[in-house]
């Protein structure tokens, strides 16, 4: 499906618009992501890489609250080409295939929103392993997706229906799935044992969760100091 989007500017633009619409639905508002994760605990000058970030709507909202942070939004070339031009100068767009080695080295956070649930474990592992050559010690991988409750009845029935229905849609459309906290912990363990799994956060009224893992391996992020490489315009 995503290969097809990549071949069509019109479909890529429509997909970007569809992803933007998901910031405003009940239980999916962007305000939850901004409050569920402790962004203020990061260094003030942190760099956030939004992997598969479409038109950058997450970074636009973060940029409003954190005036010293820098952001890189990565997506398919045609999606990047159709992104808005009037965004904050601290937000850069970069064409990138997330199954290939991550080009932005030494960032503080690599964010995946509505990404991993589109992929089976095989491809999710490949995607996360592609980060490793870019990770500095302490780098954080943050996933914003549905997280299934471990037991039936732990979710209210309406949210249970919506989240389980999305699980079935992912299976039938993409041979993928929504995951539980245990599934995410296992996934990061399969990616690399040097990840420390930090668990799952979910705010009251929100249908999505924030899953986090921290890289505890050696520092791959630049010339010995985790320096972030500049993203050149058009890359």
Protein backbone atom coordinates (compact mmCIF):
# COMPACT_ATOMS: atom_id res chain seq x y z
CA UNK A 1 0.00 0.00 0.00
CA UNK A 2 2.75 2.46 0.94
CA UNK A 3 4.70 1.67 -2.22
CA UNK A 4 1.59 2.64 -4.17
CA UNK A 5 1.34 5.91 -2.21
CA UNK A 6 4.98 6.59 -2.98
CA UNK A 7 4.33 6.41 -6.72
CA UNK A 8 1.43 8.85 -6.68
CA UNK A 9 1.72 12.50 -5.51
CA UNK A 10 -2.07 12.72 -5.24
CA UNK A 11 -2.35 9.61 -3.06
CA UNK A 12 0.62 10.75 -0.95
CA UNK A 13 -1.07 14.11 -0.37
CA UNK A 14 -4.36 12.45 0.55
CA UNK A 15 -2.54 10.11 2.94
CA UNK A 16 -0.85 13.09 4.60
CA UNK A 17 -4.22 14.76 5.01
CA UNK A 18 -5.71 11.59 6.47
CA UNK A 19 -2.92 11.35 9.03
CA UNK A 20 -3.45 14.99 9.98
CA UNK A 21 -7.14 14.26 10.58
CA UNK A 22 -6.20 11.69 13.22
CA UNK A 23 -4.91 14.45 15.50
CA UNK A 24 -8.41 15.73 16.16
CA UNK A 25 -10.59 12.65 16.66
CA UNK A 26 -11.96 11.90 20.12
CA UNK A 27 -9.30 10.10 22.12
CA UNK A 28 -6.59 10.92 19.58
CA UNK A 29 -6.06 14.64 20.16
CA UNK A 30 -2.48 15.86 19.92
CA UNK A 31 -2.75 17.31 23.43
CA UNK A 32 -2.48 13.79 24.84
CA UNK A 33 0.91 13.14 23.25
CA UNK A 34 2.15 16.50 24.51
CA UNK A 35 1.11 15.74 28.11
CA UNK A 36 1.60 11.96 28.37
CA UNK A 37 5.31 12.10 27.57
CA UNK A 38 7.64 14.27 29.73
CA UNK A 39 9.10 16.35 26.90
CA UNK A 40 10.14 19.04 29.38
CA UNK A 41 12.50 16.56 31.06
CA UNK A 42 14.61 16.41 27.90
CA UNK A 43 17.48 18.85 27.33
CA UNK A 44 16.07 22.18 26.12
CA UNK A 45 18.00 21.95 22.85
CA UNK A 46 16.99 18.36 22.07
CA UNK A 47 16.58 17.11 18.53
CA UNK A 48 13.44 15.08 17.81
CA UNK A 49 13.24 12.89 14.70
CA UNK A 50 9.66 12.12 13.67
CA UNK A 51 10.05 8.93 11.62
CA UNK A 52 7.21 8.54 9.12
CA UNK A 53 5.99 11.93 10.31
CA UNK A 54 3.87 12.80 7.25
CA UNK A 55 3.39 16.59 7.10
CA UNK A 56 4.97 17.24 10.47
CA UNK A 57 1.88 18.07 12.52
CA UNK A 58 3.35 16.50 15.66
CA UNK A 59 6.52 18.57 15.43
CA UNK A 60 4.55 21.73 14.70
CA UNK A 61 2.74 21.35 18.02
CA UNK A 62 5.91 20.49 19.93
CA UNK A 63 7.73 23.46 18.40
CA UNK A 64 5.09 25.81 19.82
CA UNK A 65 5.86 24.67 23.35
CA UNK A 66 9.61 24.10 23.17
CA UNK A 67 11.29 27.06 21.46
CA UNK A 68 14.84 25.66 21.55
CA UNK A 69 14.18 22.15 20.28
CA UNK A 70 14.93 21.13 16.71
CA UNK A 71 12.90 18.70 14.62
CA UNK A 72 13.40 16.47 11.60
CA UNK A 73 10.31 15.03 9.89
CA UNK A 74 10.99 12.00 7.70
CA UNK A 75 8.68 10.39 5.18
CA UNK A 76 8.39 9.19 1.58
CA UNK A 77 9.73 11.64 -1.03
CA UNK A 78 6.33 12.57 -2.45
CA UNK A 79 4.83 13.03 1.01
CA UNK A 80 7.70 15.33 1.97
CA UNK A 81 7.31 17.23 -1.32
CA UNK A 82 3.64 17.93 -0.55
CA UNK A 83 4.29 19.07 3.04
CA UNK A 84 3.41 22.66 4.07
CA UNK A 85 6.15 25.22 3.42
CA UNK A 86 5.17 27.73 6.10
CA UNK A 87 6.32 25.77 9.16
CA UNK A 88 8.74 26.85 11.88
CA UNK A 89 12.31 27.12 10.60
CA UNK A 90 13.39 24.64 13.28
CA UNK A 91 11.41 21.91 11.50
CA UNK A 92 13.22 20.26 8.60
CA UNK A 93 11.71 17.72 6.20
CA UNK A 94 13.77 14.82 4.94
CA UNK A 95 12.93 12.04 2.49
CA UNK A 96 13.85 8.75 4.13
CA UNK A 97 13.00 5.06 3.85
CA UNK A 98 12.74 3.90 7.46
CA UNK A 99 13.91 0.40 6.55
CA UNK A 100 17.31 1.82 5.68
CA UNK A 101 19.97 3.19 8.02
CA UNK A 102 18.86 6.26 9.96
CA UNK A 103 20.75 9.30 8.59
CA UNK A 104 20.17 11.66 11.54
CA UNK A 105 22.77 10.61 14.10
CA UNK A 106 22.77 11.47 17.77
CA UNK A 107 19.21 12.76 18.12
CA UNK A 108 17.62 12.66 21.56
CA UNK A 109 14.30 11.11 20.53
CA UNK A 110 13.19 9.03 17.55
CA UNK A 111 9.40 9.18 17.44
CA UNK A 112 7.10 6.71 15.66
CA UNK A 113 3.42 7.74 15.67
CA UNK A 114 0.94 5.46 13.90
CA UNK A 115 3.86 3.54 12.32
CA UNK A 116 4.64 0.23 13.98
CA UNK A 117 1.04 -0.94 14.03
CA UNK A 118 1.21 -0.94 10.22
CA UNK A 119 3.94 -3.59 10.24
CA UNK A 120 4.35 -7.18 11.38
CA UNK A 121 7.13 -8.03 13.85
CA UNK A 122 9.54 -8.94 11.05
CA UNK A 123 9.38 -5.49 9.50
CA UNK A 124 9.07 -3.62 12.80
CA UNK A 125 12.31 -5.25 13.94
CA UNK A 126 13.99 -4.26 10.68
CA UNK A 127 12.77 -0.68 11.10
CA UNK A 128 14.01 -0.36 14.68
CA UNK A 129 17.35 -1.99 13.93
CA UNK A 130 17.90 0.62 11.22
CA UNK A 131 18.13 3.19 14.03
CA UNK A 132 21.02 1.53 15.86
CA UNK A 133 23.95 2.97 13.82
CA UNK A 134 22.60 6.46 14.63
CA UNK A 135 21.89 6.05 18.34
CA UNK A 136 23.87 7.73 21.09
CA UNK A 137 23.79 6.30 24.60
CA UNK A 138 20.58 7.43 26.26
CA UNK A 139 18.70 8.05 23.00
CA UNK A 140 15.00 7.37 23.35
CA UNK A 141 12.67 5.56 20.99
CA UNK A 142 9.11 6.74 21.58
CA UNK A 143 6.14 4.96 19.98
CA UNK A 144 2.66 6.49 19.94
CA UNK A 145 0.16 3.79 19.01
CA UNK A 146 -2.68 1.77 20.41
CA UNK A 147 -1.62 -0.61 23.18
CA UNK A 148 -3.91 -3.57 23.79
CA UNK A 149 -4.84 -4.38 27.37
CA UNK A 150 -3.46 -7.71 28.53
CA UNK A 151 -6.84 -8.97 29.73
CA UNK A 152 -10.38 -8.71 28.38
CA UNK A 153 -12.56 -6.32 30.38
CA UNK A 154 -9.75 -3.96 31.41
CA UNK A 155 -10.86 -1.52 28.69
CA UNK A 156 -14.24 0.18 28.56
CA UNK A 157 -16.39 -1.53 25.95
CA UNK A 158 -16.47 1.32 23.43
CA UNK A 159 -12.69 1.77 23.40
CA UNK A 160 -12.27 -2.00 23.36
CA UNK A 161 -14.37 -2.18 20.19
CA UNK A 162 -12.46 0.63 18.44
CA UNK A 163 -8.99 -0.65 19.34
CA UNK A 164 -9.74 -4.31 18.59
CA UNK A 165 -11.36 -3.30 15.30
CA UNK A 166 -8.17 -1.44 14.35
CA UNK A 167 -6.23 -4.59 15.25
CA UNK A 168 -8.33 -6.56 12.74
CA UNK A 169 -7.99 -3.85 10.08
CA UNK A 170 -4.21 -3.96 10.42
CA UNK A 171 -4.29 -7.75 10.08
CA UNK A 172 -6.48 -7.81 6.98
CA UNK A 173 -4.95 -4.80 5.23
CA UNK A 174 -1.26 -5.08 6.07
CA UNK A 175 -0.68 -8.44 7.83
CA UNK A 176 0.15 -6.32 10.90
CA UNK A 177 -1.33 -5.82 14.36
CA UNK A 178 -1.84 -3.68 17.43
CA UNK A 179 0.39 -4.78 20.31
CA UNK A 180 0.16 -5.17 24.08
CA UNK A 181 2.80 -3.92 26.52
CA UNK A 182 4.22 -7.43 26.65
CA UNK A 183 4.39 -7.54 22.85
CA UNK A 184 6.38 -4.28 22.79
CA UNK A 185 8.78 -5.49 25.46
CA UNK A 186 9.41 -8.67 23.49
CA UNK A 187 9.79 -6.67 20.28
CA UNK A 188 12.56 -4.47 21.68
CA UNK A 189 14.26 -7.52 23.15
CA UNK A 190 14.26 -9.09 19.70
CA UNK A 191 15.62 -5.91 18.12
CA UNK A 192 18.66 -5.64 20.42
CA UNK A 193 19.31 -6.56 24.03
CA UNK A 194 20.92 -3.17 24.62
CA UNK A 195 17.53 -1.46 24.65
CA UNK A 196 16.05 -0.84 28.11
CA UNK A 197 12.28 -1.08 27.92
CA UNK A 198 10.65 1.72 29.93
CA UNK A 199 7.04 0.58 29.65
CA UNK A 200 3.80 2.23 28.55
CA UNK A 201 2.01 5.46 29.47
CA UNK A 202 -1.62 6.25 28.73
CA UNK A 203 -3.60 9.29 29.80
CA UNK A 204 -7.19 9.38 30.97
CA UNK A 205 -9.52 9.68 27.97
CA UNK A 206 -6.83 8.82 25.42
CA UNK A 207 -7.04 5.76 23.18
CA UNK A 208 -3.36 5.83 22.26
CA UNK A 209 -0.40 4.98 24.45
CA UNK A 210 3.21 6.10 24.62
CA UNK A 211 5.73 3.26 24.58
CA UNK A 212 9.37 4.03 25.34
CA UNK A 213 12.73 2.28 25.16
CA UNK A 214 16.18 3.74 25.90
CA UNK A 215 19.39 2.80 24.11
CA UNK A 216 22.03 1.64 26.60
CA UNK A 217 24.60 0.45 24.07
CA UNK A 218 27.69 2.21 22.87
CA UNK A 219 27.47 5.66 21.34
CA UNK A 220 27.08 5.51 17.57
CA UNK A 221 25.92 9.11 17.29
CA UNK A 222 28.60 11.05 15.44
CA UNK A 223 32.22 11.83 16.16
CA UNK A 224 32.41 10.48 19.68
CA UNK A 225 29.99 13.03 21.16
CA UNK A 226 26.61 12.10 19.70
CA UNK A 227 26.65 15.11 17.42
CA UNK A 228 23.56 15.48 15.25
CA UNK A 229 24.39 15.69 11.57
CA UNK A 230 22.88 18.63 9.75
CA UNK A 231 20.10 17.75 7.35
CA UNK A 232 20.72 19.46 4.03
CA UNK A 233 17.74 20.96 2.25
CA UNK A 234 16.31 18.55 -0.30
CA UNK A 235 17.79 15.37 1.21
